[in-house]
Amino acid sequence: MIASCSGDDGETASGGGTGYHKDASTDGSDAPVLHLDAPGESTGWDAFNSDSGCASNSVSASQTPAIMLFLIDKTGSMNCNPPPTTATADCEKKPQKADLAFPSKWEITRDALKTALATLTTTVPLPSAGIDFFNNGDFCGYSDNPDVDIASLTDPQVTAIGQSLDAVQPWGATPIVGAVMRAFAYLQKNAAQFVGNKFVVLLTDGGESCDPNAMPLLVEKTIEANAIGIRTFVLGAPGSEQYRAFLSQLAYNGGTALSPTCTHASTPADQGDCHMDMTQPGTDFATELAKNLAAISSQALSCEFDIPPPQDGAVLDPNKVNVNYTPGSGGAPLEIPRNDNVNCNDLSNNGWQYSQDGKKIVLCGSACQTVKNDPKAKISIVLGCETHSVPK
């Protein structure tokens, strides 16, 4: 599960208005020091004291960049006005606008994506993103490569994605399985090029309509993708009500469940709450979509930090790693203990854990929240001293 704490540059308003920027490292390295914009709070952590007799090396921690591939449904039903203007059943019968004075689901999606991407252009480290649409080419088509390849979210990349969104004319069926499988393959094939936390962001207003028998296969493949570092966000637009179970399974297995206890059984088909469900009665699609895209941006830019290599080519000992937090208000560094006793997403976890591949430090729960809320927080990783952990 991803630790859901992060922010954007202090001049932007995405992700709740928190932010960070690079600053000079205290140890002379080029690694960025994390700075976040919000009021601080007390942690209860102890002041750091190096173990007597151990040789340690402290370096500033660099945050892991996000790599996002947006996989967007452009099927015919996206032409409809969202509820309450057009009910899902009516849209299925006649997939077109019922009221020309109000935007379609596609127009709302297009504009929300443009806004979300524009807010990320000043984020440090700069995330990368690309976009792919399904169907593509024919009624049930999907492509091997994105419509816009993944690249750093500079202004030209944002413009290219915006132009691709503007060119879409929704039509055809919904090949979710093929499109997501191809997205996984693309990210895996180009893993060496895309250095960072990798995400597929799936947005759909329905379920698999081209090969429904393959839905269980995709549920399993999402587990495999998560295991190799490709996580899957799922947004269910109006029209996906009867596919909540399927979409919820994808989010849960993809490592982005809204809670550890969310419902993700395969049946009943219309029940499941692990994904970002925008189909509930009374929900305003435009408002919920904007909120969810901001949440995805915030989570993708998470409290994950690369572990620096030991000096002199030594082999990293995972049992001799500690994490320090220096409050922006000054004072001695405070040690954040390792805590493997509680799920990292649980707010009661005030420690850190290793990422699944063991290459990153993940600040958990309230530890992540505390650092996020400190205007000038600094995170450093100390190598060489026995790890201080919360007792089991």
Protein backbone atom coordinates (compact mmCIF):
# COMPACT_ATOMS: atom_id res chain seq x y z
CA MET A 1 0.00 0.00 0.00
CA ILE A 2 1.21 3.44 -0.82
CA ALA A 3 1.92 5.99 1.90
CA SER A 4 -0.40 8.87 1.09
CA CYS A 5 1.52 11.95 2.11
CA SER A 6 3.07 14.51 -0.16
CA GLY A 7 2.64 17.94 -1.64
CA ASP A 8 3.34 20.30 -4.44
CA ASP A 9 5.40 23.45 -4.72
CA GLY A 10 4.28 26.09 -2.28
CA GLU A 11 2.93 28.25 -5.12
CA THR A 12 0.41 25.62 -6.24
CA ALA A 13 -2.80 24.49 -4.60
CA SER A 14 -2.79 20.79 -5.48
CA GLY A 15 -2.71 18.07 -2.83
CA GLY A 16 -4.21 20.17 -0.06
CA GLY A 17 -1.84 23.12 -0.46
CA THR A 18 1.24 21.51 1.05
CA GLY A 19 4.50 21.64 -0.85
CA TYR A 20 8.24 21.10 -0.94
CA HIS A 21 11.29 22.29 -2.83
CA LYS A 22 14.96 21.39 -3.15
CA ASP A 23 17.51 23.03 -0.94
CA ALA A 24 21.22 22.65 -0.33
CA SER A 25 22.11 19.45 1.47
CA THR A 26 23.69 19.81 4.90
CA ASP A 27 26.33 17.18 4.11
CA GLY A 28 27.51 18.76 0.84
CA SER A 29 25.75 16.27 -1.43
CA ASP A 30 23.41 17.23 -4.26
CA ALA A 31 20.47 15.34 -2.77
CA PRO A 32 17.38 17.47 -2.19
CA VAL A 33 16.17 18.20 1.31
CA LEU A 34 12.42 17.99 1.81
CA HIS A 35 10.61 21.21 2.65
CA LEU A 36 6.84 21.21 3.18
CA ASP A 37 4.40 24.05 3.67
CA ALA A 38 1.95 23.71 6.59
CA PRO A 39 1.93 24.13 10.39
CA GLY A 40 4.11 21.73 12.38
CA GLU A 41 3.08 19.46 15.22
CA SER A 42 4.58 17.49 18.11
CA THR A 43 5.67 13.91 17.35
CA GLY A 44 6.76 12.35 20.60
CA TRP A 45 9.96 11.08 18.93
CA ASP A 46 13.21 11.01 20.88
CA ALA A 47 16.23 13.12 20.05
CA PHE A 48 18.67 11.15 17.93
CA ASN A 49 21.70 9.65 19.65
CA SER A 50 24.13 7.53 17.63
CA ASP A 51 24.86 4.14 19.16
CA SER A 52 28.08 4.21 21.17
CA GLY A 53 31.00 2.86 19.17
CA CYS A 54 29.25 2.57 15.78
CA ALA A 55 30.42 4.50 12.74
CA SER A 56 27.57 6.28 11.00
CA ASN A 57 27.08 8.33 7.87
CA SER A 58 24.10 10.70 7.58
CA VAL A 59 22.90 11.91 4.19
CA SER A 60 19.93 13.99 3.09
CA ALA A 61 17.13 11.85 1.66
CA SER A 62 15.91 12.39 -1.90
CA GLN A 63 12.26 11.83 -2.71
CA THR A 64 11.27 9.29 -5.36
CA PRO A 65 9.69 10.79 -8.50
CA ALA A 66 6.32 9.60 -9.81
CA ILE A 67 5.79 7.98 -13.23
CA MET A 68 2.09 8.00 -14.22
CA LEU A 69 0.36 6.48 -17.24
CA PHE A 70 -3.22 7.71 -17.49
CA LEU A 71 -5.47 5.11 -19.12
CA ILE A 72 -8.71 6.85 -20.07
CA ASP A 73 -12.03 5.44 -21.27
CA LYS A 74 -13.24 7.21 -24.42
CA THR A 75 -16.07 4.82 -25.25
CA GLY A 76 -19.41 5.99 -26.64
CA SER A 77 -21.12 6.27 -23.26
CA MET A 78 -18.73 9.08 -22.33
CA ASN A 79 -20.81 11.26 -24.69
CA CYS A 80 -23.68 11.31 -22.16
CA ASN A 81 -24.37 13.94 -19.53
CA PRO A 82 -23.62 12.48 -16.08
CA PRO A 83 -26.43 11.89 -13.57
CA PRO A 84 -28.79 13.39 -12.63
CA THR A 85 -29.20 14.82 -16.16
CA THR A 86 -28.86 11.37 -17.72
CA ALA A 87 -29.29 8.13 -15.78
CA THR A 88 -26.92 5.27 -16.60
CA ALA A 89 -29.72 3.11 -18.02
CA ASP A 90 -30.78 5.90 -20.37
CA CYS A 91 -27.18 6.50 -21.45
CA GLU A 92 -26.79 2.84 -22.40
CA LYS A 93 -29.83 3.10 -24.64
CA LYS A 94 -28.82 6.38 -26.23
CA PRO A 95 -25.14 7.37 -25.68
CA GLN A 96 -25.35 11.06 -26.40
CA LYS A 97 -26.02 14.34 -24.62
CA ALA A 98 -29.56 14.75 -23.40
CA ASP A 99 -28.96 18.43 -22.55
CA LEU A 100 -26.57 20.38 -24.76
CA ALA A 101 -26.32 23.13 -22.15
CA PHE A 102 -24.44 20.82 -19.76
CA PRO A 103 -21.08 19.08 -20.28
CA SER A 104 -20.74 15.40 -21.13
CA LYS A 105 -18.81 12.92 -19.02
CA TRP A 106 -16.00 13.18 -21.56
CA GLU A 107 -15.85 16.98 -21.44
CA ILE A 108 -15.72 16.90 -17.64
CA THR A 109 -12.98 14.25 -17.72
CA ARG A 110 -10.95 16.12 -20.35
CA ASP A 111 -11.01 19.41 -18.45
CA ALA A 112 -10.29 17.81 -15.07
CA LEU A 113 -7.26 15.97 -16.45
CA LYS A 114 -5.88 19.15 -18.01
CA THR A 115 -6.20 20.99 -14.71
CA ALA A 116 -4.66 18.15 -12.68
CA LEU A 117 -1.63 17.87 -14.96
CA ALA A 118 -1.07 21.63 -15.06
CA THR A 119 -0.81 21.74 -11.25
CA LEU A 120 2.08 19.23 -11.33
CA THR A 121 4.43 21.25 -13.54
CA THR A 122 6.11 22.99 -10.60
CA THR A 123 6.41 19.88 -8.43
CA VAL A 124 9.87 18.79 -7.26
CA PRO A 125 10.98 16.21 -8.21
CA LEU A 126 9.11 16.72 -11.47
CA PRO A 127 6.81 13.77 -12.18
CA SER A 128 6.46 12.15 -15.59
CA ALA A 129 3.18 11.28 -17.27
CA GLY A 130 1.71 9.93 -20.48
CA ILE A 131 -1.80 9.13 -21.67
CA ASP A 132 -3.50 6.30 -23.52
CA PHE A 133 -7.12 5.98 -24.61
CA PHE A 134 -9.34 2.94 -25.04
CA ASN A 135 -10.75 1.92 -27.37
CA ASN A 136 -8.12 2.79 -29.93
CA GLY A 137 -8.20 2.14 -33.65
CA ASP A 138 -11.44 0.17 -33.84
CA PHE A 139 -14.45 -0.81 -31.74
CA CYS A 140 -12.48 -2.94 -29.25
CA GLY A 141 -8.97 -1.76 -30.09
CA TYR A 142 -6.10 -0.91 -27.78
CA SER A 143 -2.51 0.00 -28.58
CA ASP A 144 0.92 -1.31 -27.56
CA ASN A 145 2.14 2.21 -26.83
CA PRO A 146 0.45 5.27 -25.29
CA ASP A 147 -1.14 7.96 -27.43
CA VAL A 148 1.33 10.31 -25.73
CA ASP A 149 4.47 8.58 -24.44
CA ILE A 150 5.49 9.14 -20.84
CA ALA A 151 7.82 12.12 -20.37
CA SER A 152 8.61 14.74 -17.74
CA LEU A 153 5.69 17.08 -17.14
CA THR A 154 7.28 20.12 -18.68
CA ASP A 155 5.01 22.62 -20.43
CA PRO A 156 5.47 20.93 -23.85
CA GLN A 157 4.41 17.55 -22.42
CA VAL A 158 1.35 19.05 -20.74
CA THR A 159 0.47 20.73 -24.05
CA ALA A 160 0.89 17.45 -25.96
CA ILE A 161 -1.40 15.60 -23.56
CA GLY A 162 -3.93 18.44 -23.70
CA GLN A 163 -3.98 18.33 -27.50
CA SER A 164 -4.53 14.58 -27.45
CA LEU A 165 -7.47 15.05 -25.09
CA ASP A 166 -8.94 17.75 -27.33
CA ALA A 167 -8.77 15.43 -30.36
CA VAL A 168 -10.84 12.62 -28.77
CA GLN A 169 -14.26 11.76 -30.16
CA PRO A 170 -15.78 9.15 -27.81
CA TRP A 171 -17.21 6.03 -29.44
CA GLY A 172 -17.05 2.23 -29.39
CA ALA A 173 -16.76 -0.43 -26.68
CA THR A 174 -14.66 -0.91 -23.51
CA PRO A 175 -11.55 -3.16 -23.79
CA ILE A 176 -10.33 -2.61 -20.22
CA VAL A 177 -8.48 -5.93 -19.90
CA GLY A 178 -6.43 -5.52 -23.06
CA ALA A 179 -5.70 -1.85 -22.42
CA VAL A 180 -4.51 -2.35 -18.83
CA MET A 181 -2.44 -5.42 -19.71
CA ARG A 182 -0.72 -3.44 -22.47
CA ALA A 183 -0.10 -0.58 -20.04
CA PHE A 184 1.59 -2.97 -17.60
CA ALA A 185 3.72 -4.40 -20.41
CA TYR A 186 4.73 -0.93 -21.59
CA LEU A 187 5.85 0.15 -18.11
CA GLN A 188 7.69 -3.12 -17.51
CA LYS A 189 9.44 -3.03 -20.89
CA ASN A 190 10.62 0.53 -20.29
CA ALA A 191 11.36 0.14 -16.56
CA ALA A 192 15.00 1.18 -16.97
CA GLN A 193 13.91 4.41 -18.63
CA PHE A 194 11.20 5.23 -16.09
CA VAL A 195 13.05 5.57 -12.79
CA GLY A 196 10.58 6.22 -9.98
CA ASN A 197 7.27 5.05 -8.55
CA LYS A 198 5.19 3.71 -11.43
CA PHE A 199 1.40 4.01 -11.62
CA VAL A 200 -1.38 3.16 -14.04
CA VAL A 201 -4.34 5.52 -13.50
CA LEU A 202 -7.45 3.84 -14.95
CA LEU A 203 -10.62 5.89 -15.45
CA THR A 204 -13.73 4.18 -16.83
CA ASP A 205 -17.49 4.63 -16.93
CA GLY A 206 -18.16 0.92 -17.36
CA GLY A 207 -16.72 -2.56 -17.27
CA GLU A 208 -15.05 -4.90 -19.73
CA SER A 209 -17.35 -5.26 -22.75
CA CYS A 210 -14.97 -6.81 -25.30
CA ASP A 211 -13.67 -9.87 -23.41
CA PRO A 212 -15.58 -10.20 -20.12
CA ASN A 213 -14.28 -13.73 -19.54
CA ALA A 214 -10.78 -12.27 -19.14
CA MET A 215 -11.68 -10.05 -16.18
CA PRO A 216 -10.42 -12.57 -13.55
CA LEU A 217 -7.11 -12.75 -15.43
CA LEU A 218 -6.64 -9.00 -15.15
CA VAL A 219 -7.43 -9.13 -11.43
CA GLU A 220 -4.54 -11.60 -11.02
CA LYS A 221 -2.18 -9.71 -13.32
CA THR A 222 -2.71 -6.57 -11.26
CA ILE A 223 -1.20 -8.42 -8.29
CA GLU A 224 1.83 -9.32 -10.41
CA ALA A 225 2.21 -5.74 -11.63
CA ASN A 226 2.11 -4.46 -8.05
CA ALA A 227 4.79 -6.97 -7.08
CA ILE A 228 7.19 -5.49 -9.65
CA GLY A 229 6.46 -1.90 -8.65
CA ILE A 230 3.55 -0.91 -10.92
CA ARG A 231 0.57 0.21 -8.86
CA THR A 232 -2.95 0.81 -10.19
CA PHE A 233 -5.35 3.61 -9.30
CA VAL A 234 -8.97 3.08 -10.40
CA LEU A 235 -11.63 5.75 -10.88
CA GLY A 236 -15.20 4.61 -11.53
CA ALA A 237 -17.23 7.23 -13.41
CA PRO A 238 -21.05 7.17 -13.62
CA GLY A 239 -21.94 4.09 -15.63
CA SER A 240 -19.62 1.75 -13.71
CA GLU A 241 -22.14 0.98 -10.95
CA GLN A 242 -22.56 -2.67 -11.98
CA TYR A 243 -18.80 -3.19 -12.05
CA ARG A 244 -17.85 -1.95 -8.58
CA ALA A 245 -16.60 -5.38 -7.49
CA PHE A 246 -14.28 -5.70 -10.49
CA LEU A 247 -12.92 -2.17 -10.19
CA SER A 248 -12.52 -2.54 -6.43
CA GLN A 249 -10.49 -5.72 -6.91
CA LEU A 250 -8.19 -3.94 -9.35
CA ALA A 251 -7.55 -1.10 -6.89
CA TYR A 252 -7.01 -3.47 -3.95
CA ASN A 253 -4.67 -5.78 -5.84
CA GLY A 254 -3.01 -2.77 -7.43
CA GLY A 255 -1.89 -1.42 -4.06
CA THR A 256 -4.06 1.71 -3.93
CA ALA A 257 -7.09 0.60 -1.89
CA LEU A 258 -8.86 3.44 -0.10
CA SER A 259 -8.60 1.47 3.16
CA PRO A 260 -7.13 -1.88 4.29
CA THR A 261 -10.63 -3.13 5.20
CA CYS A 262 -12.45 -2.10 2.01
CA THR A 263 -14.74 -4.57 0.22
CA HIS A 264 -13.05 -6.34 -2.70
CA ALA A 265 -14.90 -9.61 -3.21
CA SER A 266 -15.73 -10.72 -6.74
CA THR A 267 -19.46 -10.78 -6.00
CA PRO A 268 -21.98 -9.16 -5.79
CA ALA A 269 -20.93 -7.34 -8.96
CA ASP A 270 -22.24 -3.96 -7.81
CA GLN A 271 -20.49 -3.92 -4.42
CA GLY A 272 -16.94 -2.80 -3.72
CA ASP A 273 -15.39 0.34 -2.25
CA CYS A 274 -11.61 0.04 -2.66
CA HIS A 275 -11.54 2.20 -5.79
CA MET A 276 -12.52 5.84 -6.25
CA ASP A 277 -16.23 5.36 -6.86
CA MET A 278 -17.99 8.40 -8.35
CA THR A 279 -21.33 6.67 -8.93
CA GLN A 280 -23.06 7.11 -5.58
CA PRO A 281 -26.45 8.91 -5.58
CA GLY A 282 -26.11 12.65 -5.11
CA THR A 283 -22.48 12.68 -6.24
CA ASP A 284 -21.43 15.56 -8.48
CA PHE A 285 -19.14 13.93 -11.04
CA ALA A 286 -17.09 17.02 -11.84
CA THR A 287 -16.42 17.81 -8.18
CA GLU A 288 -15.54 14.23 -7.25
CA LEU A 289 -13.29 13.75 -10.26
CA ALA A 290 -11.29 16.88 -9.49
CA LYS A 291 -10.95 15.83 -5.85
CA ASN A 292 -9.87 12.29 -6.75
CA LEU A 293 -7.30 13.42 -9.30
CA ALA A 294 -5.80 15.73 -6.67
CA ALA A 295 -5.70 12.80 -4.23
CA ILE A 296 -3.96 10.60 -6.80
CA SER A 297 -1.37 13.31 -7.43
CA SER A 298 -0.82 13.60 -3.68
CA GLN A 299 -0.43 9.85 -3.19
CA ALA A 300 1.77 9.31 -6.22
CA LEU A 301 4.13 11.98 -4.84
CA SER A 302 4.42 10.04 -1.62
CA CYS A 303 6.55 9.93 1.51
CA GLU A 304 9.03 7.58 -0.15
CA PHE A 305 12.76 8.25 -0.15
CA ASP A 306 15.59 6.55 -1.97
CA ILE A 307 18.14 4.86 0.29
CA PRO A 308 21.61 6.25 -0.48
CA PRO A 309 24.40 3.73 -1.11
CA PRO A 310 26.95 3.23 1.69
CA GLN A 311 30.31 4.93 1.34
CA ASP A 312 33.38 3.21 -0.15
CA GLY A 313 31.30 0.65 -2.05
CA ALA A 314 30.21 -1.20 1.11
CA VAL A 315 27.15 -3.45 1.01
CA LEU A 316 24.05 -1.95 2.61
CA ASP A 317 23.03 -3.67 5.84
CA PRO A 318 19.22 -3.21 6.11
CA ASN A 319 19.48 -3.73 9.87
CA LYS A 320 21.78 -0.71 10.19
CA VAL A 321 19.58 2.03 8.77
CA ASN A 322 17.92 4.83 10.75
CA VAL A 323 15.77 7.81 9.76
CA ASN A 324 15.99 11.29 11.26
CA TYR A 325 13.56 14.18 11.08
CA THR A 326 14.80 17.69 11.85
CA PRO A 327 11.89 20.07 12.56
CA GLY A 328 11.83 23.21 10.50
CA SER A 329 11.72 25.22 13.72
CA GLY A 330 15.22 23.99 14.55
CA GLY A 331 16.65 21.88 17.34
CA ALA A 332 18.20 18.42 17.45
CA PRO A 333 17.21 15.74 14.92
CA LEU A 334 14.43 13.43 16.06
CA GLU A 335 14.62 9.75 15.26
CA ILE A 336 11.69 8.09 13.48
CA PRO A 337 11.73 4.40 14.48
CA ARG A 338 11.13 1.52 12.13
CA ASN A 339 7.67 0.06 12.73
CA ASP A 340 6.67 -3.15 10.96
CA ASN A 341 3.96 -3.96 13.51
CA VAL A 342 1.21 -1.86 11.91
CA ASN A 343 0.11 -1.36 8.30
CA CYS A 344 2.00 1.60 6.86
CA ASN A 345 -1.24 3.34 5.86
CA ASP A 346 -2.57 3.17 9.42
CA LEU A 347 -2.47 6.60 11.10
CA SER A 348 -1.39 4.91 14.35
CA ASN A 349 1.93 4.01 12.68
CA ASN A 350 4.36 6.77 13.62
CA GLY A 351 7.38 5.09 12.07
CA TRP A 352 8.84 3.92 8.77
CA GLN A 353 9.07 0.74 6.72
CA TYR A 354 11.02 -0.51 3.73
CA SER A 355 9.31 -0.51 0.35
CA GLN A 356 8.48 -3.92 -1.12
CA ASP A 357 11.71 -4.00 -3.13
CA GLY A 358 13.77 -2.87 -0.13
CA LYS A 359 15.23 0.10 -2.00
CA LYS A 360 13.21 2.91 -0.44
CA ILE A 361 12.25 4.26 2.98
CA VAL A 362 8.50 4.84 3.37
CA LEU A 363 7.28 7.16 6.12
CA CYS A 364 4.06 5.70 7.49
CA GLY A 365 0.78 7.03 8.83
CA SER A 366 1.18 9.87 11.28
CA ALA A 367 4.95 10.08 10.66
CA CYS A 368 4.26 10.97 7.05
CA GLN A 369 1.56 13.42 8.12
CA THR A 370 3.88 15.13 10.62
CA VAL A 371 6.64 15.65 8.08
CA LYS A 372 4.10 16.84 5.53
CA ASN A 373 2.81 19.44 8.00
CA ASP A 374 6.24 20.88 8.83
CA PRO A 375 7.12 23.97 6.75
CA LYS A 376 10.87 23.27 6.61
CA ALA A 377 11.22 19.63 7.55
CA LYS A 378 14.46 17.82 6.76
CA ILE A 379 14.72 14.05 6.40
CA SER A 380 18.09 12.32 6.61
CA ILE A 381 19.02 8.65 6.49
CA VAL A 382 21.74 7.38 8.82
CA LEU A 383 23.73 4.31 7.76
CA GLY A 384 25.96 2.17 9.95
CA CYS A 385 24.17 2.04 13.32
CA GLU A 386 21.80 -0.69 14.49
CA THR A 387 18.22 0.08 13.39
CA HIS A 388 16.01 1.35 16.19
CA SER A 389 12.62 -0.36 15.88
CA VAL A 390 9.34 -0.32 17.75
CA PRO A 391 9.28 -3.52 19.87
CA LYS A 392 7.03 -6.29 18.57
